[in-house]
C-alpha atoms as a PDB file:
ATOM      1  CA  MET A   1      14.463 -50.453  -1.382  1.00  0.00           C
ATOM      2  CA  PRO A   2      12.944 -48.523  -4.327  1.00  0.00           C
ATOM      3  CA  ASP A   3      15.188 -47.816  -7.284  1.00  0.00           C
ATOM      4  CA  THR A   4      15.513 -44.010  -7.649  1.00  0.00           C
ATOM      5  CA  SER A   5      18.179 -44.079 -10.322  1.00  0.00           C
ATOM      6  CA  ALA A   6      15.628 -43.402 -13.076  1.00  0.00           C
ATOM      7  CA  GLU A   7      14.117 -40.350 -11.358  1.00  0.00           C
ATOM      8  CA  PRO A   8      14.411 -37.313 -13.658  1.00  0.00           C
ATOM      9  CA  SER A   9      16.903 -34.699 -12.567  1.00  0.00           C
ATOM     10  CA  ARG A  10      15.901 -31.087 -12.054  1.00  0.00           C
ATOM     11  CA  ARG A  11      18.084 -28.491 -13.752  1.00  0.00           C
ATOM     12  CA  ALA A  12      18.134 -24.754 -13.057  1.00  0.00           C
ATOM     13  CA  ALA A  13      20.258 -21.839 -14.196  1.00  0.00           C
ATOM     14  CA  VAL A  14      21.490 -19.213 -11.754  1.00  0.00           C
ATOM     15  CA  ILE A  15      22.188 -16.050 -13.734  1.00  0.00           C
ATOM     16  CA  GLY A  16      24.650 -14.023 -11.704  1.00  0.00           C
ATOM     17  CA  ALA A  17      25.946 -17.035  -9.781  1.00  0.00           C
ATOM     18  CA  GLY A  18      29.225 -15.306  -8.919  1.00  0.00           C
ATOM     19  CA  GLY A  19      27.648 -12.675  -6.653  1.00  0.00           C
ATOM     20  CA  ARG A  20      26.843 -13.069  -2.969  1.00  0.00           C
ATOM     21  CA  VAL A  21      23.168 -13.829  -3.579  1.00  0.00           C
ATOM     22  CA  GLY A  22      23.880 -16.003  -6.598  1.00  0.00           C
ATOM     23  CA  ARG A  23      26.432 -18.051  -4.681  1.00  0.00           C
ATOM     24  CA  ALA A  24      23.975 -18.621  -1.831  1.00  0.00           C
ATOM     25  CA  VAL A  25      21.189 -19.623  -4.230  1.00  0.00           C
ATOM     26  CA  THR A  26      23.526 -21.989  -6.085  1.00  0.00           C
ATOM     27  CA  ALA A  27      24.464 -23.689  -2.815  1.00  0.00           C
ATOM     28  CA  ALA A  28      20.810 -23.991  -1.768  1.00  0.00           C
ATOM     29  CA  LEU A  29      19.796 -25.555  -5.074  1.00  0.00           C
ATOM     30  CA  LEU A  30      22.642 -28.059  -4.936  1.00  0.00           C
ATOM     31  CA  ARG A  31      21.538 -29.048  -1.413  1.00  0.00           C
ATOM     32  CA  ASP A  32      18.049 -29.595  -2.839  1.00  0.00           C
ATOM     33  CA  SER A  33      19.471 -31.987  -5.455  1.00  0.00           C
ATOM     34  CA  TRP A  34      19.164 -29.668  -8.449  1.00  0.00           C
ATOM     35  CA  ASP A  35      21.628 -29.723 -11.305  1.00  0.00           C
ATOM     36  CA  VAL A  36      22.798 -26.118 -11.513  1.00  0.00           C
ATOM     37  CA  VAL A  37      24.073 -24.176 -14.505  1.00  0.00           C
ATOM     38  CA  ALA A  38      25.989 -21.297 -12.943  1.00  0.00           C
ATOM     39  CA  VAL A  39      26.086 -18.377 -15.381  1.00  0.00           C
ATOM     40  CA  VAL A  40      29.006 -16.010 -14.731  1.00  0.00           C
ATOM     41  CA  ARG A  41      30.721 -13.403 -16.874  1.00  0.00           C
ATOM     42  CA  ASP A  42      34.194 -14.871 -16.421  1.00  0.00           C
ATOM     43  CA  PRO A  43      34.336 -18.602 -15.619  1.00  0.00           C
ATOM     44  CA  GLU A  44      38.104 -18.407 -15.129  1.00  0.00           C
ATOM     45  CA  ARG A  45      37.652 -16.035 -12.192  1.00  0.00           C
ATOM     46  CA  HIS A  46      34.726 -17.692 -10.437  1.00  0.00           C
ATOM     47  CA  ASP A  47      35.365 -19.299  -7.049  1.00  0.00           C
ATOM     48  CA  LEU A  48      32.283 -21.478  -6.682  1.00  0.00           C
ATOM     49  CA  PRO A  49      33.143 -24.687  -4.804  1.00  0.00           C
ATOM     50  CA  PRO A  50      33.349 -27.710  -7.123  1.00  0.00           C
ATOM     51  CA  HIS A  51      30.347 -30.019  -7.152  1.00  0.00           C
ATOM     52  CA  PRO A  52      29.388 -32.943  -9.439  1.00  0.00           C
ATOM     53  CA  ARG A  53      26.027 -31.299 -10.252  1.00  0.00           C
ATOM     54  CA  LEU A  54      27.457 -27.807 -10.838  1.00  0.00           C
ATOM     55  CA  HIS A  55      28.142 -26.667 -14.407  1.00  0.00           C
ATOM     56  CA  VAL A  56      29.762 -23.250 -14.839  1.00  0.00           C
ATOM     57  CA  THR A  57      29.229 -21.391 -18.094  1.00  0.00           C
ATOM     58  CA  ARG A  58      30.090 -17.965 -19.460  1.00  0.00           C
ATOM     59  CA  GLY A  59      27.225 -15.551 -19.967  1.00  0.00           C
ATOM     60  CA  ASP A  60      26.173 -11.917 -19.756  1.00  0.00           C
ATOM     61  CA  ALA A  61      22.596 -11.207 -18.728  1.00  0.00           C
ATOM     62  CA  GLN A  62      22.675  -8.036 -20.825  1.00  0.00           C
ATOM     63  CA  ARG A  63      23.246 -10.238 -23.893  1.00  0.00           C
ATOM     64  CA  PRO A  64      20.546 -12.885 -23.388  1.00  0.00           C
ATOM     65  CA  ASP A  65      20.900 -14.207 -26.939  1.00  0.00           C
ATOM     66  CA  GLY A  66      24.192 -15.695 -25.790  1.00  0.00           C
ATOM     67  CA  LEU A  67      22.414 -17.440 -22.914  1.00  0.00           C
ATOM     68  CA  ALA A  68      20.071 -19.376 -25.208  1.00  0.00           C
ATOM     69  CA  PRO A  69      22.174 -22.599 -25.282  1.00  0.00           C
ATOM     70  CA  ALA A  70      22.300 -22.765 -21.491  1.00  0.00           C
ATOM     71  CA  LEU A  71      18.640 -21.817 -21.060  1.00  0.00           C
ATOM     72  CA  ALA A  72      17.619 -24.552 -23.492  1.00  0.00           C
ATOM     73  CA  THR A  73      18.880 -27.142 -20.992  1.00  0.00           C
ATOM     74  CA  VAL A  74      16.986 -25.917 -17.897  1.00  0.00           C
ATOM     75  CA  GLU A  75      13.408 -25.874 -16.645  1.00  0.00           C
ATOM     76  CA  ALA A  76      13.927 -23.058 -14.153  1.00  0.00           C
ATOM     77  CA  ALA A  77      16.151 -20.042 -13.622  1.00  0.00           C
ATOM     78  CA  VAL A  78      17.055 -17.516 -10.956  1.00  0.00           C
ATOM     79  CA  LEU A  79      17.868 -13.941 -11.938  1.00  0.00           C
ATOM     80  CA  ALA A  80      20.389 -12.660  -9.398  1.00  0.00           C
ATOM     81  CA  VAL A  81      22.329 -10.036 -11.337  1.00  0.00           C
ATOM     82  CA  THR A  82      23.130  -6.485 -10.283  1.00  0.00           C
ATOM     83  CA  PRO A  83      24.776  -3.656 -12.208  1.00  0.00           C
ATOM     84  CA  PHE A  84      26.813  -2.624  -9.152  1.00  0.00           C
ATOM     85  CA  THR A  85      28.969  -4.433  -6.609  1.00  0.00           C
ATOM     86  CA  ALA A  86      28.707  -1.322  -4.402  1.00  0.00           C
ATOM     87  CA  PRO A  87      26.642   1.895  -4.551  1.00  0.00           C
ATOM     88  CA  PRO A  88      28.029   4.104  -7.334  1.00  0.00           C
ATOM     89  CA  ASP A  89      29.182   7.682  -6.845  1.00  0.00           C
ATOM     90  CA  SER A  90      26.847   8.795  -9.609  1.00  0.00           C
ATOM     91  CA  PHE A  91      24.028   7.401 -11.744  1.00  0.00           C
ATOM     92  CA  ASP A  92      25.091   9.393 -14.781  1.00  0.00           C
ATOM     93  CA  GLY A  93      24.726   7.070 -17.748  1.00  0.00           C
ATOM     94  CA  PHE A  94      22.819   4.422 -15.790  1.00  0.00           C
ATOM     95  CA  ASP A  95      20.262   2.633 -17.952  1.00  0.00           C
ATOM     96  CA  PRO A  96      16.843   2.690 -16.224  1.00  0.00           C
ATOM     97  CA  ASP A  97      15.875  -0.268 -18.410  1.00  0.00           C
ATOM     98  CA  TYR A  98      18.780  -2.398 -17.186  1.00  0.00           C
ATOM     99  CA  TYR A  99      16.459  -5.086 -15.828  1.00  0.00           C
ATOM    100  CA  VAL A 100      13.794  -4.637 -18.507  1.00  0.00           C
ATOM    101  CA  THR A 101      16.368  -5.519 -21.177  1.00  0.00           C
ATOM    102  CA  ILE A 102      17.360  -8.661 -19.298  1.00  0.00           C
ATOM    103  CA  VAL A 103      13.812  -9.848 -18.645  1.00  0.00           C
ATOM    104  CA  THR A 104      12.547  -9.289 -22.181  1.00  0.00           C
ATOM    105  CA  GLY A 105      15.671 -10.933 -23.566  1.00  0.00           C
ATOM    106  CA  LEU A 106      15.253 -13.999 -21.390  1.00  0.00           C
ATOM    107  CA  ALA A 107      11.650 -14.385 -22.483  1.00  0.00           C
ATOM    108  CA  ALA A 108      12.698 -14.155 -26.123  1.00  0.00           C
ATOM    109  CA  HIS A 109      15.645 -16.558 -25.934  1.00  0.00           C
ATOM    110  CA  TRP A 110      14.425 -19.224 -23.505  1.00  0.00           C
ATOM    111  CA  PRO A 111      12.840 -21.913 -25.694  1.00  0.00           C
ATOM    112  CA  ALA A 112      11.775 -24.384 -22.983  1.00  0.00           C
ATOM    113  CA  PRO A 113       8.022 -25.120 -22.778  1.00  0.00           C
ATOM    114  CA  HIS A 114       8.045 -24.688 -18.986  1.00  0.00           C
ATOM    115  CA  ARG A 115       9.937 -21.597 -17.876  1.00  0.00           C
ATOM    116  CA  ARG A 116       9.887 -20.897 -14.155  1.00  0.00           C
ATOM    117  CA  LEU A 117      11.855 -17.741 -13.288  1.00  0.00           C
ATOM    118  CA  VAL A 118      12.475 -16.435  -9.779  1.00  0.00           C
ATOM    119  CA  ALA A 119      13.881 -12.897  -9.745  1.00  0.00           C
ATOM    120  CA  VAL A 120      15.696 -11.299  -6.819  1.00  0.00           C
ATOM    121  CA  GLY A 121      13.870  -8.126  -5.800  1.00  0.00           C
ATOM    122  CA  LEU A 122      14.880  -4.990  -3.895  1.00  0.00           C
ATOM    123  CA  ALA A 123      13.446  -3.904  -0.536  1.00  0.00           C
ATOM    124  CA  ALA A 124      13.114  -0.304  -1.737  1.00  0.00           C
ATOM    125  CA  THR A 125      10.278  -1.337  -4.062  1.00  0.00           C
ATOM    126  CA  LEU A 126       8.119  -2.828  -1.302  1.00  0.00           C
ATOM    127  CA  ARG A 127       4.825  -1.138  -0.479  1.00  0.00           C
ATOM    128  CA  LEU A 128       4.321  -0.399   3.206  1.00  0.00           C
ATOM    129  CA  ASP A 129       1.051  -0.626   5.081  1.00  0.00           C
ATOM    130  CA  THR A 130       1.121   3.190   5.261  1.00  0.00           C
ATOM    131  CA  GLY A 131       0.578   3.251   1.500  1.00  0.00           C
ATOM    132  CA  GLU A 132       4.015   4.536   0.529  1.00  0.00           C
ATOM    133  CA  LEU A 133       6.956   2.662  -0.945  1.00  0.00           C
ATOM    134  CA  VAL A 134      10.099   2.024   1.071  1.00  0.00           C
ATOM    135  CA  MET A 135      12.023   4.160  -1.439  1.00  0.00           C
ATOM    136  CA  ASP A 136       9.734   7.109  -0.622  1.00  0.00           C
ATOM    137  CA  ASP A 137      10.934   7.213   2.989  1.00  0.00           C
ATOM    138  CA  PRO A 138      14.394   8.830   3.254  1.00  0.00           C
ATOM    139  CA  GLU A 139      14.869   7.226   6.662  1.00  0.00           C
ATOM    140  CA  LEU A 140      14.569   3.781   5.077  1.00  0.00           C
ATOM    141  CA  PHE A 141      16.243   4.291   1.712  1.00  0.00           C
ATOM    142  CA  PRO A 142      18.903   6.807   0.596  1.00  0.00           C
ATOM    143  CA  PRO A 143      17.287   9.135  -1.971  1.00  0.00           C
ATOM    144  CA  PHE A 144      20.392   9.178  -4.195  1.00  0.00           C
ATOM    145  CA  LEU A 145      19.857   5.445  -4.864  1.00  0.00           C
ATOM    146  CA  ARG A 146      16.356   6.008  -6.211  1.00  0.00           C
ATOM    147  CA  PRO A 147      17.335   5.425  -9.893  1.00  0.00           C
ATOM    148  CA  PHE A 148      18.431   1.909  -8.966  1.00  0.00           C
ATOM    149  CA  ALA A 149      15.159   1.285  -7.112  1.00  0.00           C
ATOM    150  CA  LEU A 150      13.105   2.535 -10.044  1.00  0.00           C
ATOM    151  CA  ALA A 151      14.999   0.195 -12.397  1.00  0.00           C
ATOM    152  CA  HIS A 152      14.075  -2.702 -10.104  1.00  0.00           C
ATOM    153  CA  ALA A 153      10.433  -1.586 -10.076  1.00  0.00           C
ATOM    154  CA  ARG A 154      10.395  -1.574 -13.886  1.00  0.00           C
ATOM    155  CA  GLN A 155      11.638  -5.174 -13.782  1.00  0.00           C
ATOM    156  CA  ALA A 156       8.377  -6.335 -12.206  1.00  0.00           C
ATOM    157  CA  ASP A 157       6.357  -4.473 -14.844  1.00  0.00           C
ATOM    158  CA  ALA A 158       8.404  -6.122 -17.593  1.00  0.00           C
ATOM    159  CA  LEU A 159       7.902  -9.586 -16.106  1.00  0.00           C
ATOM    160  CA  ARG A 160       4.130  -9.110 -16.241  1.00  0.00           C
ATOM    161  CA  ASP A 161       4.378  -8.567 -19.992  1.00  0.00           C
ATOM    162  CA  THR A 162       6.263 -11.819 -20.663  1.00  0.00           C
ATOM    163  CA  GLY A 163       5.038 -15.388 -21.034  1.00  0.00           C
ATOM    164  CA  LEU A 164       7.333 -16.526 -18.238  1.00  0.00           C
ATOM    165  CA  GLU A 165       5.989 -18.349 -15.197  1.00  0.00           C
ATOM    166  CA  TRP A 166       7.601 -15.917 -12.767  1.00  0.00           C
ATOM    167  CA  ALA A 167       7.872 -14.853  -9.171  1.00  0.00           C
ATOM    168  CA  MET A 168       9.865 -12.100  -7.506  1.00  0.00           C
ATOM    169  CA  LEU A 169      11.138 -12.646  -3.975  1.00  0.00           C
ATOM    170  CA  VAL A 170      12.052  -9.414  -2.212  1.00  0.00           C
ATOM    171  CA  PRO A 171      14.456  -9.491   0.733  1.00  0.00           C
ATOM    172  CA  PRO A 172      14.164  -6.900   3.531  1.00  0.00           C
ATOM    173  CA  SER A 173      16.583  -3.986   3.769  1.00  0.00           C
ATOM    174  CA  GLY A 174      18.607  -5.834   6.418  1.00  0.00           C
ATOM    175  CA  PHE A 175      19.563  -8.402   3.799  1.00  0.00           C
ATOM    176  CA  GLY A 176      22.881 -10.036   4.591  1.00  0.00           C
ATOM    177  CA  LEU A 177      23.057  -8.431   8.053  1.00  0.00           C
ATOM    178  CA  ALA A 178      21.729 -11.343  10.111  1.00  0.00           C
ATOM    179  CA  PRO A 179      22.970 -14.852  10.859  1.00  0.00           C
ATOM    180  CA  PRO A 180      21.004 -17.782   9.419  1.00  0.00           C
ATOM    181  CA  ALA A 181      17.766 -18.300  11.338  1.00  0.00           C
ATOM    182  CA  GLY A 182      16.749 -21.572   9.734  1.00  0.00           C
ATOM    183  CA  PRO A 183      13.124 -22.696   9.284  1.00  0.00           C
ATOM    184  CA  GLY A 184      10.356 -20.213   9.962  1.00  0.00           C
ATOM    185  CA  ARG A 185      10.873 -17.584   7.276  1.00  0.00           C
ATOM    186  CA  SER A 186       7.727 -16.629   5.380  1.00  0.00           C
ATOM    187  CA  LEU A 187       6.676 -15.152   2.072  1.00  0.00           C
ATOM    188  CA  VAL A 188       4.405 -12.208   2.837  1.00  0.00           C
ATOM    189  CA  ARG A 189       2.181 -10.336   0.442  1.00  0.00           C
ATOM    190  CA  GLU A 190       2.345  -6.561   0.220  1.00  0.00           C
ATOM    191  CA  PRO A 191       1.674  -4.285   1.941  1.00  0.00           C
ATOM    192  CA  VAL A 192       4.252  -5.059   4.597  1.00  0.00           C
ATOM    193  CA  THR A 193       4.972  -3.417   7.905  1.00  0.00           C
ATOM    194  CA  ARG A 194       7.981  -1.213   8.486  1.00  0.00           C
ATOM    195  CA  ARG A 195       9.435  -3.909  10.739  1.00  0.00           C
ATOM    196  CA  GLN A 196       9.107  -6.526   8.037  1.00  0.00           C
ATOM    197  CA  ALA A 197      10.633  -4.242   5.401  1.00  0.00           C
ATOM    198  CA  THR A 198      13.675  -3.504   7.567  1.00  0.00           C
ATOM    199  CA  ALA A 199      14.236  -6.928   9.135  1.00  0.00           C
ATOM    200  CA  GLY A 200      17.541  -8.734   8.976  1.00  0.00           C
ATOM    201  CA  LEU A 201      17.783 -11.800   6.759  1.00  0.00           C
ATOM    202  CA  SER A 202      20.776 -13.950   5.898  1.00  0.00           C
ATOM    203  CA  HIS A 203      21.721 -14.772   2.335  1.00  0.00           C
ATOM    204  CA  ALA A 204      21.377 -18.463   3.204  1.00  0.00           C
ATOM    205  CA  ASP A 205      17.796 -18.125   4.462  1.00  0.00           C
ATOM    206  CA  TYR A 206      16.815 -16.054   1.436  1.00  0.00           C
ATOM    207  CA  ALA A 207      18.420 -18.620  -0.861  1.00  0.00           C
ATOM    208  CA  ASP A 208      16.442 -21.413   0.782  1.00  0.00           C
ATOM    209  CA  ALA A 209      13.247 -19.477   0.050  1.00  0.00           C
ATOM    210  CA  VAL A 210      14.260 -19.139  -3.601  1.00  0.00           C
ATOM    211  CA  ALA A 211      15.026 -22.846  -3.857  1.00  0.00           C
ATOM    212  CA  GLY A 212      11.646 -23.605  -2.333  1.00  0.00           C
ATOM    213  CA  GLU A 213       9.870 -21.449  -4.908  1.00  0.00           C
ATOM    214  CA  LEU A 214      11.584 -23.338  -7.705  1.00  0.00           C
ATOM    215  CA  GLY A 215      10.874 -26.776  -6.287  1.00  0.00           C
ATOM    216  CA  ALA A 216       7.342 -26.202  -4.985  1.00  0.00           C
ATOM    217  CA  PRO A 217       5.965 -22.920  -6.348  1.00  0.00           C
ATOM    218  CA  THR A 218       3.458 -20.976  -4.275  1.00  0.00           C
ATOM    219  CA  LEU A 219       3.732 -17.598  -6.003  1.00  0.00           C
ATOM    220  CA  HIS A 220       2.627 -17.266  -9.606  1.00  0.00           C
ATOM    221  CA  GLY A 221       3.098 -14.004 -11.467  1.00  0.00           C
ATOM    222  CA  GLY A 222       3.630 -11.796  -8.433  1.00  0.00           C
ATOM    223  CA  ARG A 223       5.920 -10.522  -5.701  1.00  0.00           C
ATOM    224  CA  ALA A 224       6.344 -11.361  -2.044  1.00  0.00           C
ATOM    225  CA  ALA A 225       8.677 -10.241   0.708  1.00  0.00           C
ATOM    226  CA  VAL A 226      10.868 -12.859   2.380  1.00  0.00           C
ATOM    227  CA  VAL A 227      10.778 -12.144   6.108  1.00  0.00           C
ATOM    228  CA  PRO A 228      12.272 -13.977   9.075  1.00  0.00           C
ATOM    229  CA  PRO A 229      10.285 -15.118  12.123  1.00  0.00           C
ATOM    230  CA  PRO A 230       8.493 -13.700  13.967  1.00  0.00           C
ATOM    231  CA  VAL A 231       6.309 -11.824  11.476  1.00  0.00           C
ATOM    232  CA  ASP A 232       3.279  -9.622  11.852  1.00  0.00           C
ATOM    233  CA  ASP A 233      -0.165 -11.041  11.180  1.00  0.00           C
ATOM    234  CA  LEU A 234      -0.329 -10.572   7.400  1.00  0.00           C
ATOM    235  CA  PRO A 235      -1.467 -12.972   4.651  1.00  0.00           C
ATOM    236  CA  MET A 236       1.303 -15.495   3.996  1.00  0.00           C
ATOM    237  CA  LEU A 237       1.996 -17.593   0.946  1.00  0.00           C
ATOM    238  CA  ALA A 238       4.315 -20.145   2.514  1.00  0.00           C
ATOM    239  CA  GLY A 239       6.040 -20.903   5.761  1.00  0.00           C
END
């Protein structure tokens, strides 16, 4: 039997590991034998299940200089933060550069030579095969949430201006509203169909797609929608 004890470990940070998406991604990475640095604002309040390869650390994505020690230990990271746990009553005072600040800060304070970042996208930013964005259709996206969607869109622009080796995986608008479907999900290039943009997708299936993009990248410097089977006949990056 071959000796695998000397095989190098893979280590990734999940920024926003305490949220629903972050928790799912953390679990998926641990299943894939990654060492995971779970970055949360308050380690004393986190409820991530204990695991020998899980390391919980305090950090605020809006203050990326404080993340530098943790980032220095990883080769990959997942950005799964959100400014809201639920839709706000008002966007008064909301910073449209919320994600831009995070992305530019990560690029400045992540010293590793290989820096693979997978960012969690928002369905509202997807371009449909009709030519419009999901956020432009009031039947698909509430207009009052548009400032949040525009902040997400600016995130992709900011990523293009960094030296990070990045990908953005965008879940459909039915994210979290479907049971796990297992193998068969696909990464689909834009434009997407209305059915793809509004499909249901579990957090677990999305997290598996993120873990796959860290372990065996197929998307380099771009975005793709994560859609469940069956999908329409559009160019696919992975299956």
